[in-house]
C-alpha atoms as a PDB file:
ATOM      1  CA  MET A   1     104.512  86.223  78.931  1.00  0.00           C
ATOM      2  CA  PHE A   2     107.888  87.897  78.642  1.00  0.00           C
ATOM      3  CA  GLY A   3     110.863  86.360  76.819  1.00  0.00           C
ATOM      4  CA  ARG A   4     109.302  84.087  74.190  1.00  0.00           C
ATOM      5  CA  GLU A   5     111.870  85.221  71.605  1.00  0.00           C
ATOM      6  CA  PHE A   6     114.554  83.237  73.435  1.00  0.00           C
ATOM      7  CA  ALA A   7     113.045  79.878  72.439  1.00  0.00           C
ATOM      8  CA  ASN A   8     115.576  79.661  69.604  1.00  0.00           C
ATOM      9  CA  HIS A   9     118.469  80.728  71.819  1.00  0.00           C
ATOM     10  CA  LEU A  10     118.486  78.312  74.730  1.00  0.00           C
ATOM     11  CA  ASP A  11     122.258  78.659  75.118  1.00  0.00           C
ATOM     12  CA  ILE A  12     122.054  82.248  76.334  1.00  0.00           C
ATOM     13  CA  LEU A  13     119.231  81.346  78.737  1.00  0.00           C
ATOM     14  CA  ILE A  14     121.174  78.421  80.210  1.00  0.00           C
ATOM     15  CA  GLN A  15     124.208  80.639  80.764  1.00  0.00           C
ATOM     16  CA  SER A  16     121.999  83.240  82.442  1.00  0.00           C
ATOM     17  CA  PHE A  17     120.388  80.621  84.734  1.00  0.00           C
ATOM     18  CA  GLU A  18     123.793  79.324  85.795  1.00  0.00           C
ATOM     19  CA  LYS A  19     124.769  82.823  86.932  1.00  0.00           C
ATOM     20  CA  ILE A  20     121.655  83.254  89.089  1.00  0.00           C
ATOM     21  CA  ASN A  21     122.959  80.807  91.681  1.00  0.00           C
ATOM     22  CA  ASN A  22     125.526  77.998  91.590  1.00  0.00           C
ATOM     23  CA  ARG A  23     122.900  75.400  92.631  1.00  0.00           C
ATOM     24  CA  TYR A  24     121.428  75.564  89.101  1.00  0.00           C
ATOM     25  CA  GLN A  25     124.627  74.773  87.186  1.00  0.00           C
ATOM     26  CA  LYS A  26     124.396  70.978  87.333  1.00  0.00           C
ATOM     27  CA  LYS A  27     120.657  70.949  86.676  1.00  0.00           C
ATOM     28  CA  SER A  28     120.883  73.099  83.556  1.00  0.00           C
ATOM     29  CA  LYS A  29     123.503  70.769  82.078  1.00  0.00           C
ATOM     30  CA  ALA A  30     121.670  67.612  83.144  1.00  0.00           C
ATOM     31  CA  ASN A  31     118.573  68.578  81.149  1.00  0.00           C
ATOM     32  CA  SER A  32     120.339  69.636  77.936  1.00  0.00           C
ATOM     33  CA  ASN A  33     119.079  66.536  76.100  1.00  0.00           C
ATOM     34  CA  ILE A  34     115.472  67.792  76.060  1.00  0.00           C
ATOM     35  CA  SER A  35     116.142  71.109  74.339  1.00  0.00           C
ATOM     36  CA  PHE A  36     113.231  70.644  71.909  1.00  0.00           C
ATOM     37  CA  LEU A  37     110.730  70.474  74.778  1.00  0.00           C
ATOM     38  CA  LYS A  38     112.365  73.505  76.391  1.00  0.00           C
ATOM     39  CA  LYS A  39     111.961  75.415  73.134  1.00  0.00           C
ATOM     40  CA  ILE A  40     108.238  74.616  72.926  1.00  0.00           C
ATOM     41  CA  TYR A  41     107.777  75.520  76.594  1.00  0.00           C
ATOM     42  CA  ILE A  42     109.433  78.951  76.216  1.00  0.00           C
ATOM     43  CA  LEU A  43     107.374  79.662  73.084  1.00  0.00           C
ATOM     44  CA  LEU A  44     104.268  79.067  75.200  1.00  0.00           C
ATOM     45  CA  PHE A  45     105.215  80.607  78.545  1.00  0.00           C
ATOM     46  CA  GLY A  46     108.264  82.824  78.075  1.00  0.00           C
ATOM     47  CA  ILE A  47     111.276  82.609  80.378  1.00  0.00           C
ATOM     48  CA  PRO A  48     110.189  80.430  83.338  1.00  0.00           C
ATOM     49  CA  GLU A  49     111.821  82.460  86.112  1.00  0.00           C
ATOM     50  CA  ILE A  50     109.392  84.443  88.272  1.00  0.00           C
ATOM     51  CA  GLY A  51     111.889  87.161  89.171  1.00  0.00           C
ATOM     52  CA  PHE A  52     112.444  87.938  85.493  1.00  0.00           C
ATOM     53  CA  GLN A  53     108.695  88.072  84.887  1.00  0.00           C
ATOM     54  CA  ILE A  54     107.902  90.299  87.887  1.00  0.00           C
ATOM     55  CA  ARG A  55     110.610  92.807  86.966  1.00  0.00           C
ATOM     56  CA  SER A  56     109.168  92.994  83.453  1.00  0.00           C
ATOM     57  CA  MET A  57     105.639  93.549  84.826  1.00  0.00           C
ATOM     58  CA  TYR A  58     106.713  96.608  86.821  1.00  0.00           C
ATOM     59  CA  PHE A  59     108.811  97.901  83.932  1.00  0.00           C
ATOM     60  CA  LYS A  60     105.961  97.703  81.416  1.00  0.00           C
ATOM     61  CA  LYS A  61     103.413  99.122  83.858  1.00  0.00           C
ATOM     62  CA  ILE A  62     105.527 102.148  84.822  1.00  0.00           C
ATOM     63  CA  LEU A  63     106.488 102.863  81.198  1.00  0.00           C
ATOM     64  CA  ALA A  64     102.863 102.587  80.054  1.00  0.00           C
ATOM     65  CA  ALA A  65     101.682 104.985  82.772  1.00  0.00           C
ATOM     66  CA  ASN A  66     104.393 107.604  82.280  1.00  0.00           C
ATOM     67  CA  LEU A  67     106.273 107.308  78.976  1.00  0.00           C
ATOM     68  CA  LEU A  68     104.107 105.477  76.440  1.00  0.00           C
ATOM     69  CA  ASN A  69     103.130 108.669  74.591  1.00  0.00           C
ATOM     70  CA  LYS A  70     106.553 110.302  74.817  1.00  0.00           C
ATOM     71  CA  LYS A  71     108.372 110.808  71.503  1.00  0.00           C
ATOM     72  CA  LEU A  72     111.648 109.216  72.499  1.00  0.00           C
ATOM     73  CA  LYS A  73     114.466 109.307  69.956  1.00  0.00           C
ATOM     74  CA  ASN A  74     117.426 107.693  71.709  1.00  0.00           C
ATOM     75  CA  ILE A  75     117.218 104.992  74.394  1.00  0.00           C
ATOM     76  CA  LEU A  76     120.002 103.214  76.273  1.00  0.00           C
ATOM     77  CA  ASP A  77     119.559  99.871  78.013  1.00  0.00           C
ATOM     78  CA  ALA A  78     122.606 100.133  80.275  1.00  0.00           C
ATOM     79  CA  GLY A  79     123.579  96.634  81.344  1.00  0.00           C
ATOM     80  CA  SER A  80     121.392  94.939  78.749  1.00  0.00           C
ATOM     81  CA  GLY A  81     122.365  91.354  79.640  1.00  0.00           C
ATOM     82  CA  ILE A  82     120.487  88.916  77.405  1.00  0.00           C
ATOM     83  CA  GLY A  83     118.767  91.847  75.657  1.00  0.00           C
ATOM     84  CA  ALA A  84     115.156  91.153  76.668  1.00  0.00           C
ATOM     85  CA  TYR A  85     114.408  94.755  77.678  1.00  0.00           C
ATOM     86  CA  THR A  86     116.303  96.139  74.684  1.00  0.00           C
ATOM     87  CA  PHE A  87     114.083  94.110  72.342  1.00  0.00           C
ATOM     88  CA  LEU A  88     110.976  95.222  74.249  1.00  0.00           C
ATOM     89  CA  LEU A  89     112.011  98.876  73.963  1.00  0.00           C
ATOM     90  CA  GLY A  90     112.743  98.451  70.268  1.00  0.00           C
ATOM     91  CA  ARG A  91     109.213  97.161  69.667  1.00  0.00           C
ATOM     92  CA  THR A  92     107.542  99.700  71.981  1.00  0.00           C
ATOM     93  CA  TYR A  93     109.345 102.698  70.460  1.00  0.00           C
ATOM     94  CA  PRO A  94     109.889 101.808  66.779  1.00  0.00           C
ATOM     95  CA  GLN A  95     110.710 105.449  65.970  1.00  0.00           C
ATOM     96  CA  ALA A  96     113.618 105.497  68.446  1.00  0.00           C
ATOM     97  CA  LYS A  97     117.171 104.233  68.190  1.00  0.00           C
ATOM     98  CA  VAL A  98     117.654 101.716  71.005  1.00  0.00           C
ATOM     99  CA  MET A  99     121.145 100.806  72.178  1.00  0.00           C
ATOM    100  CA  GLY A 100     121.833  97.816  74.415  1.00  0.00           C
ATOM    101  CA  GLY A 101     125.159  97.978  76.227  1.00  0.00           C
ATOM    102  CA  ASP A 102     126.905  95.346  78.334  1.00  0.00           C
ATOM    103  CA  ILE A 103     130.368  94.088  79.312  1.00  0.00           C
ATOM    104  CA  ASP A 104     129.595  90.466  78.406  1.00  0.00           C
ATOM    105  CA  LYS A 105     130.828  90.065  74.814  1.00  0.00           C
ATOM    106  CA  TYR A 106     129.228  86.630  74.402  1.00  0.00           C
ATOM    107  CA  LYS A 107     125.794  88.049  75.249  1.00  0.00           C
ATOM    108  CA  LEU A 108     126.364  91.054  72.982  1.00  0.00           C
ATOM    109  CA  LYS A 109     127.135  88.797  70.024  1.00  0.00           C
ATOM    110  CA  SER A 110     124.043  86.654  70.707  1.00  0.00           C
ATOM    111  CA  CYS A 111     121.864  89.759  71.054  1.00  0.00           C
ATOM    112  CA  GLN A 112     123.110  91.177  67.747  1.00  0.00           C
ATOM    113  CA  ILE A 113     122.103  87.937  66.026  1.00  0.00           C
ATOM    114  CA  MET A 114     118.699  87.961  67.718  1.00  0.00           C
ATOM    115  CA  ALA A 115     118.010  91.590  66.763  1.00  0.00           C
ATOM    116  CA  LYS A 116     118.486  90.677  63.088  1.00  0.00           C
ATOM    117  CA  GLU A 117     116.303  87.578  63.423  1.00  0.00           C
ATOM    118  CA  LEU A 118     113.537  89.658  65.052  1.00  0.00           C
ATOM    119  CA  GLY A 119     113.766  92.317  62.351  1.00  0.00           C
ATOM    120  CA  LEU A 120     114.471  95.088  64.855  1.00  0.00           C
ATOM    121  CA  LYS A 121     116.403  97.500  62.649  1.00  0.00           C
ATOM    122  CA  ASN A 122     116.272 100.223  65.307  1.00  0.00           C
ATOM    123  CA  VAL A 123     118.119  98.060  67.874  1.00  0.00           C
ATOM    124  CA  GLU A 124     121.896  97.832  68.230  1.00  0.00           C
ATOM    125  CA  PHE A 125     124.295  96.419  70.817  1.00  0.00           C
ATOM    126  CA  GLU A 126     127.773  97.493  71.859  1.00  0.00           C
ATOM    127  CA  TYR A 127     130.275  97.037  74.674  1.00  0.00           C
ATOM    128  CA  LEU A 128     129.505  99.336  77.604  1.00  0.00           C
ATOM    129  CA  ASP A 129     130.937  99.759  81.086  1.00  0.00           C
ATOM    130  CA  ILE A 130     128.421 101.908  82.994  1.00  0.00           C
ATOM    131  CA  THR A 131     131.185 103.279  85.235  1.00  0.00           C
ATOM    132  CA  LYS A 132     133.006 104.659  82.155  1.00  0.00           C
ATOM    133  CA  ILE A 133     130.287 106.024  79.865  1.00  0.00           C
ATOM    134  CA  ASN A 134     131.508 108.664  77.391  1.00  0.00           C
ATOM    135  CA  ASN A 135     128.951 111.447  77.622  1.00  0.00           C
ATOM    136  CA  LYS A 136     130.455 113.180  74.569  1.00  0.00           C
ATOM    137  CA  LYS A 137     129.530 110.270  72.291  1.00  0.00           C
ATOM    138  CA  ASN A 138     125.767 109.912  72.752  1.00  0.00           C
ATOM    139  CA  HIS A 139     122.870 111.480  74.600  1.00  0.00           C
ATOM    140  CA  TYR A 140     119.594 109.782  75.450  1.00  0.00           C
ATOM    141  CA  ASP A 141     115.942 110.511  76.239  1.00  0.00           C
ATOM    142  CA  LEU A 142     115.676 107.378  78.370  1.00  0.00           C
ATOM    143  CA  VAL A 143     118.237 105.238  80.185  1.00  0.00           C
ATOM    144  CA  VAL A 144     117.123 101.857  81.543  1.00  0.00           C
ATOM    145  CA  ASN A 145     119.158 100.026  84.182  1.00  0.00           C
ATOM    146  CA  ILE A 146     117.575  96.843  85.518  1.00  0.00           C
ATOM    147  CA  ASP A 147     119.265  94.785  88.258  1.00  0.00           C
ATOM    148  CA  VAL A 148     122.748  96.028  87.411  1.00  0.00           C
ATOM    149  CA  LEU A 149     123.805  98.452  90.167  1.00  0.00           C
ATOM    150  CA  GLU A 150     124.236  95.621  92.679  1.00  0.00           C
ATOM    151  CA  HIS A 151     127.054  94.334  90.446  1.00  0.00           C
ATOM    152  CA  VAL A 152     128.960  97.649  90.638  1.00  0.00           C
ATOM    153  CA  ASP A 153     131.463  98.495  93.368  1.00  0.00           C
ATOM    154  CA  ASN A 154     130.611 102.218  93.441  1.00  0.00           C
ATOM    155  CA  TYR A 155     127.106 102.518  92.002  1.00  0.00           C
ATOM    156  CA  GLU A 156     127.031 106.326  92.417  1.00  0.00           C
ATOM    157  CA  ILE A 157     129.589 106.644  89.608  1.00  0.00           C
ATOM    158  CA  ALA A 158     127.063 104.922  87.346  1.00  0.00           C
ATOM    159  CA  LEU A 159     124.233 107.222  88.497  1.00  0.00           C
ATOM    160  CA  GLU A 160     126.357 110.293  87.790  1.00  0.00           C
ATOM    161  CA  ASN A 161     127.174 108.937  84.328  1.00  0.00           C
ATOM    162  CA  PHE A 162     123.498 108.329  83.605  1.00  0.00           C
ATOM    163  CA  PHE A 163     122.771 111.942  84.518  1.00  0.00           C
ATOM    164  CA  LYS A 164     125.512 113.168  82.167  1.00  0.00           C
ATOM    165  CA  VAL A 165     124.333 111.178  79.130  1.00  0.00           C
ATOM    166  CA  LEU A 166     120.657 112.075  79.564  1.00  0.00           C
ATOM    167  CA  ASP A 167     119.265 115.091  77.740  1.00  0.00           C
ATOM    168  CA  LYS A 168     117.312 117.672  79.705  1.00  0.00           C
ATOM    169  CA  ASN A 169     113.910 116.226  80.659  1.00  0.00           C
ATOM    170  CA  GLY A 170     115.277 112.747  79.986  1.00  0.00           C
ATOM    171  CA  TYR A 171     114.218 109.774  82.114  1.00  0.00           C
ATOM    172  CA  LEU A 172     116.066 107.113  84.086  1.00  0.00           C
ATOM    173  CA  TYR A 173     114.418 103.808  85.015  1.00  0.00           C
ATOM    174  CA  ILE A 174     116.137 101.687  87.647  1.00  0.00           C
ATOM    175  CA  HIS A 175     115.293  98.388  89.269  1.00  0.00           C
ATOM    176  CA  VAL A 176     117.539  97.014  91.986  1.00  0.00           C
ATOM    177  CA  PRO A 177     117.187  94.474  94.824  1.00  0.00           C
ATOM    178  CA  GLN A 178     116.921  95.780  98.373  1.00  0.00           C
ATOM    179  CA  PRO A 179     119.224  94.613 101.196  1.00  0.00           C
ATOM    180  CA  ASN A 180     118.326  92.613 104.324  1.00  0.00           C
ATOM    181  CA  GLN A 181     115.704  90.551 102.537  1.00  0.00           C
ATOM    182  CA  LYS A 182     113.433  88.510 104.795  1.00  0.00           C
ATOM    183  CA  ARG A 183     112.568  85.052 103.517  1.00  0.00           C
ATOM    184  CA  ILE A 184     109.369  83.054 103.886  1.00  0.00           C
ATOM    185  CA  PHE A 185     111.083  79.663 103.499  1.00  0.00           C
ATOM    186  CA  GLY A 186     114.044  78.942 105.754  1.00  0.00           C
ATOM    187  CA  SER A 187     115.979  77.043 103.082  1.00  0.00           C
ATOM    188  CA  LEU A 188     116.387  80.298 101.122  1.00  0.00           C
ATOM    189  CA  LYS A 189     117.799  82.359 103.992  1.00  0.00           C
ATOM    190  CA  GLU A 190     121.338  81.791 102.739  1.00  0.00           C
ATOM    191  CA  TRP A 191     120.420  82.729  99.170  1.00  0.00           C
ATOM    192  CA  HIS A 192     123.006  84.956  97.511  1.00  0.00           C
ATOM    193  CA  HIS A 193     124.332  85.769  94.061  1.00  0.00           C
ATOM    194  CA  GLU A 194     127.937  84.899  93.323  1.00  0.00           C
ATOM    195  CA  ASP A 195     128.558  87.984  91.154  1.00  0.00           C
ATOM    196  CA  HIS A 196     126.963  90.671  93.358  1.00  0.00           C
ATOM    197  CA  MET A 197     129.145  93.347  94.925  1.00  0.00           C
ATOM    198  CA  ARG A 198     126.300  93.899  97.382  1.00  0.00           C
ATOM    199  CA  GLU A 199     122.986  92.141  97.876  1.00  0.00           C
ATOM    200  CA  GLY A 200     120.988  95.309  97.400  1.00  0.00           C
ATOM    201  CA  ILE A 201     120.470  99.064  97.813  1.00  0.00           C
ATOM    202  CA  SER A 202     117.769 100.477 100.061  1.00  0.00           C
ATOM    203  CA  LYS A 203     114.998 102.651  98.654  1.00  0.00           C
ATOM    204  CA  LYS A 204     116.010 105.583 100.837  1.00  0.00           C
ATOM    205  CA  GLU A 205     119.694 105.273  99.925  1.00  0.00           C
ATOM    206  CA  LEU A 206     118.946 105.170  96.205  1.00  0.00           C
ATOM    207  CA  GLU A 207     116.556 108.130  96.366  1.00  0.00           C
ATOM    208  CA  ILE A 208     119.151 110.223  98.237  1.00  0.00           C
ATOM    209  CA  SER A 209     121.809 109.393  95.640  1.00  0.00           C
ATOM    210  CA  LEU A 210     119.522 110.248  92.726  1.00  0.00           C
ATOM    211  CA  ASN A 211     118.530 113.578  94.299  1.00  0.00           C
ATOM    212  CA  LYS A 212     122.186 114.393  94.916  1.00  0.00           C
ATOM    213  CA  PHE A 213     122.948 114.213  91.212  1.00  0.00           C
ATOM    214  CA  GLY A 214     119.936 116.312  90.237  1.00  0.00           C
ATOM    215  CA  PHE A 215     117.247 113.736  89.473  1.00  0.00           C
ATOM    216  CA  LYS A 216     113.602 114.256  90.402  1.00  0.00           C
ATOM    217  CA  ILE A 217     111.851 111.062  91.534  1.00  0.00           C
ATOM    218  CA  ILE A 218     108.665 110.472  89.516  1.00  0.00           C
ATOM    219  CA  VAL A 219     107.778 106.941  90.687  1.00  0.00           C
ATOM    220  CA  ALA A 220     109.253 104.813  93.468  1.00  0.00           C
ATOM    221  CA  LYS A 221     107.683 101.410  94.087  1.00  0.00           C
ATOM    222  CA  ASN A 222     108.580  98.492  96.309  1.00  0.00           C
ATOM    223  CA  THR A 223     108.573  95.386  94.124  1.00  0.00           C
ATOM    224  CA  PHE A 224     108.292  91.719  95.084  1.00  0.00           C
ATOM    225  CA  GLY A 225     105.864  92.358  97.947  1.00  0.00           C
ATOM    226  CA  LEU A 226     104.281  89.485  99.848  1.00  0.00           C
ATOM    227  CA  VAL A 227     102.638  87.719  96.875  1.00  0.00           C
ATOM    228  CA  GLY A 228     105.573  88.410  94.565  1.00  0.00           C
ATOM    229  CA  LYS A 229     108.037  87.152  97.128  1.00  0.00           C
ATOM    230  CA  LEU A 230     105.961  84.021  97.732  1.00  0.00           C
ATOM    231  CA  ALA A 231     105.788  83.248  94.002  1.00  0.00           C
ATOM    232  CA  TRP A 232     109.526  83.911  93.569  1.00  0.00           C
ATOM    233  CA  GLU A 233     110.534  81.727  96.516  1.00  0.00           C
ATOM    234  CA  ILE A 234     108.370  78.790  95.458  1.00  0.00           C
ATOM    235  CA  ASN A 235     109.714  79.106  91.908  1.00  0.00           C
ATOM    236  CA  HIS A 236     113.307  78.901  93.109  1.00  0.00           C
ATOM    237  CA  LEU A 237     112.577  76.055  95.490  1.00  0.00           C
ATOM    238  CA  MET A 238     111.173  74.156  92.503  1.00  0.00           C
ATOM    239  CA  LEU A 239     114.162  75.092  90.339  1.00  0.00           C
ATOM    240  CA  SER A 240     116.475  73.777  93.064  1.00  0.00           C
ATOM    241  CA  LYS A 241     114.691  70.412  93.051  1.00  0.00           C
ATOM    242  CA  SER A 242     113.922  69.834  89.375  1.00  0.00           C
ATOM    243  CA  PHE A 243     113.609  71.936  86.235  1.00  0.00           C
ATOM    244  CA  VAL A 244     110.687  69.697  85.219  1.00  0.00           C
ATOM    245  CA  LEU A 245     108.863  70.389  88.496  1.00  0.00           C
ATOM    246  CA  ALA A 246     109.618  74.103  88.104  1.00  0.00           C
ATOM    247  CA  GLY A 247     108.137  73.991  84.604  1.00  0.00           C
ATOM    248  CA  ILE A 248     104.912  72.391  85.837  1.00  0.00           C
ATOM    249  CA  THR A 249     104.391  74.915  88.643  1.00  0.00           C
ATOM    250  CA  PHE A 250     105.541  78.044  86.788  1.00  0.00           C
ATOM    251  CA  PRO A 251     102.228  78.907  85.019  1.00  0.00           C
ATOM    252  CA  PHE A 252     100.367  78.838  88.350  1.00  0.00           C
ATOM    253  CA  LEU A 253     103.037  80.936  90.064  1.00  0.00           C
ATOM    254  CA  PHE A 254     102.941  83.400  87.172  1.00  0.00           C
ATOM    255  CA  VAL A 255      99.233  84.030  87.830  1.00  0.00           C
ATOM    256  CA  LEU A 256     100.053  84.687  91.491  1.00  0.00           C
ATOM    257  CA  ALA A 257     102.949  86.983  90.513  1.00  0.00           C
ATOM    258  CA  MET A 258     100.624  89.074  88.329  1.00  0.00           C
ATOM    259  CA  LEU A 259      98.930  90.307  91.504  1.00  0.00           C
ATOM    260  CA  ASP A 260     102.107  91.856  92.902  1.00  0.00           C
ATOM    261  CA  PRO A 261     102.113  95.112  90.840  1.00  0.00           C
ATOM    262  CA  LEU A 262      98.453  95.640  91.761  1.00  0.00           C
ATOM    263  CA  PHE A 263      99.302  96.151  95.440  1.00  0.00           C
ATOM    264  CA  LYS A 264     100.897  99.170  97.077  1.00  0.00           C
ATOM    265  CA  ASN A 265     103.655  97.212  98.797  1.00  0.00           C
ATOM    266  CA  THR A 266     104.923  98.763 102.027  1.00  0.00           C
ATOM    267  CA  ASP A 267     108.153  96.805 101.568  1.00  0.00           C
ATOM    268  CA  GLY A 268     109.595  94.330  99.102  1.00  0.00           C
ATOM    269  CA  LEU A 269     112.623  92.490  97.806  1.00  0.00           C
ATOM    270  CA  GLY A 270     113.233  95.135  95.140  1.00  0.00           C
ATOM    271  CA  ILE A 271     112.704  98.762  94.230  1.00  0.00           C
ATOM    272  CA  ALA A 272     111.620 100.269  90.895  1.00  0.00           C
ATOM    273  CA  ILE A 273     112.303 103.966  90.339  1.00  0.00           C
ATOM    274  CA  LEU A 274     111.534 106.303  87.469  1.00  0.00           C
ATOM    275  CA  ALA A 275     113.441 109.601  87.752  1.00  0.00           C
ATOM    276  CA  LYS A 276     113.716 112.668  85.539  1.00  0.00           C
ATOM    277  CA  LYS A 277     116.599 114.998  84.720  1.00  0.00           C
ATOM    278  CA  GLU A 278     115.281 118.553  84.868  1.00  0.00           C
END
C-alpha cells in the first residue's frame, strides 16, 4: 500500500489530514497520544485515506502502461505536497533527476529530510509556484501534477507553463477532481475543501485546454467510479466519526478501491490524463 515511508513522519500526515476538511482537525489532535500505534499501522497499511490510495493506483497503472520503459532524465512533480509521488518517481526512475516543487515551505523541509532518510540521492525539493515557472532554468521529460489545479485561480497559466518546461516528446500527467460530484450518502453532499479555488475541472474542459496549448491526449480516464466513490465515501464517513473506526474499516475499503481502476468508468469524481508535447 502507498505511503508507508510516512510512518516516521506523522506530523506531516496530520497537517495534511487537517487540510482535507475542517471536520478532521479536532480528531487528529485528539488522537495524538497514540502516535506509536499510528506508526505501526502506517507501516502495515500505508496512508489510510482511500482518495490518496486510489489516485496512486491510477498513477502507477498509467505510468506502467505508457512510460515504464522510457529513459527519462528529468522529472518534475509540480505541486509535490508531502512528496509521496516524488519519492515514488525517484524509486521508479533511479537514473533520472526528480524534482519536487511546492509553495509550502514546511512540507518542503520535511520532504528534504525524508529524501535523505530514504537514500534517494536523485530526489530534490525546492520552492515552486506553478503559475510562475521559469522555463529558462530547467526542462523536463515528465511533469506530474496531481490534485493541484483546483487550488489555482487560473489553471490554464499552469498548463501553459508545463508545456514550456517540457522537452519535445515530453509527457504531462494530471489528476484533478471533476465538478458537480454526485454523492451516494446524503451527509457528504455539502463536502468541500477549504483551500480549493474551484471544486473541480470537467474532463472536456481540461482536454480542450490541453489541446489549445499543443498537447496530444494519450490517456484520459474517469477515476473514482462507482466502487471507488463508494469506498471513498465510506472512508470519510468513518474518519468523521472516529479515526479508530476508520482504521478498522480501511483495509476492507482498500480491497474494494482496488477494483476501481479495473473498470472503464463512464463518469467519476476525478479525471486522470496523460498528454504528450509533440
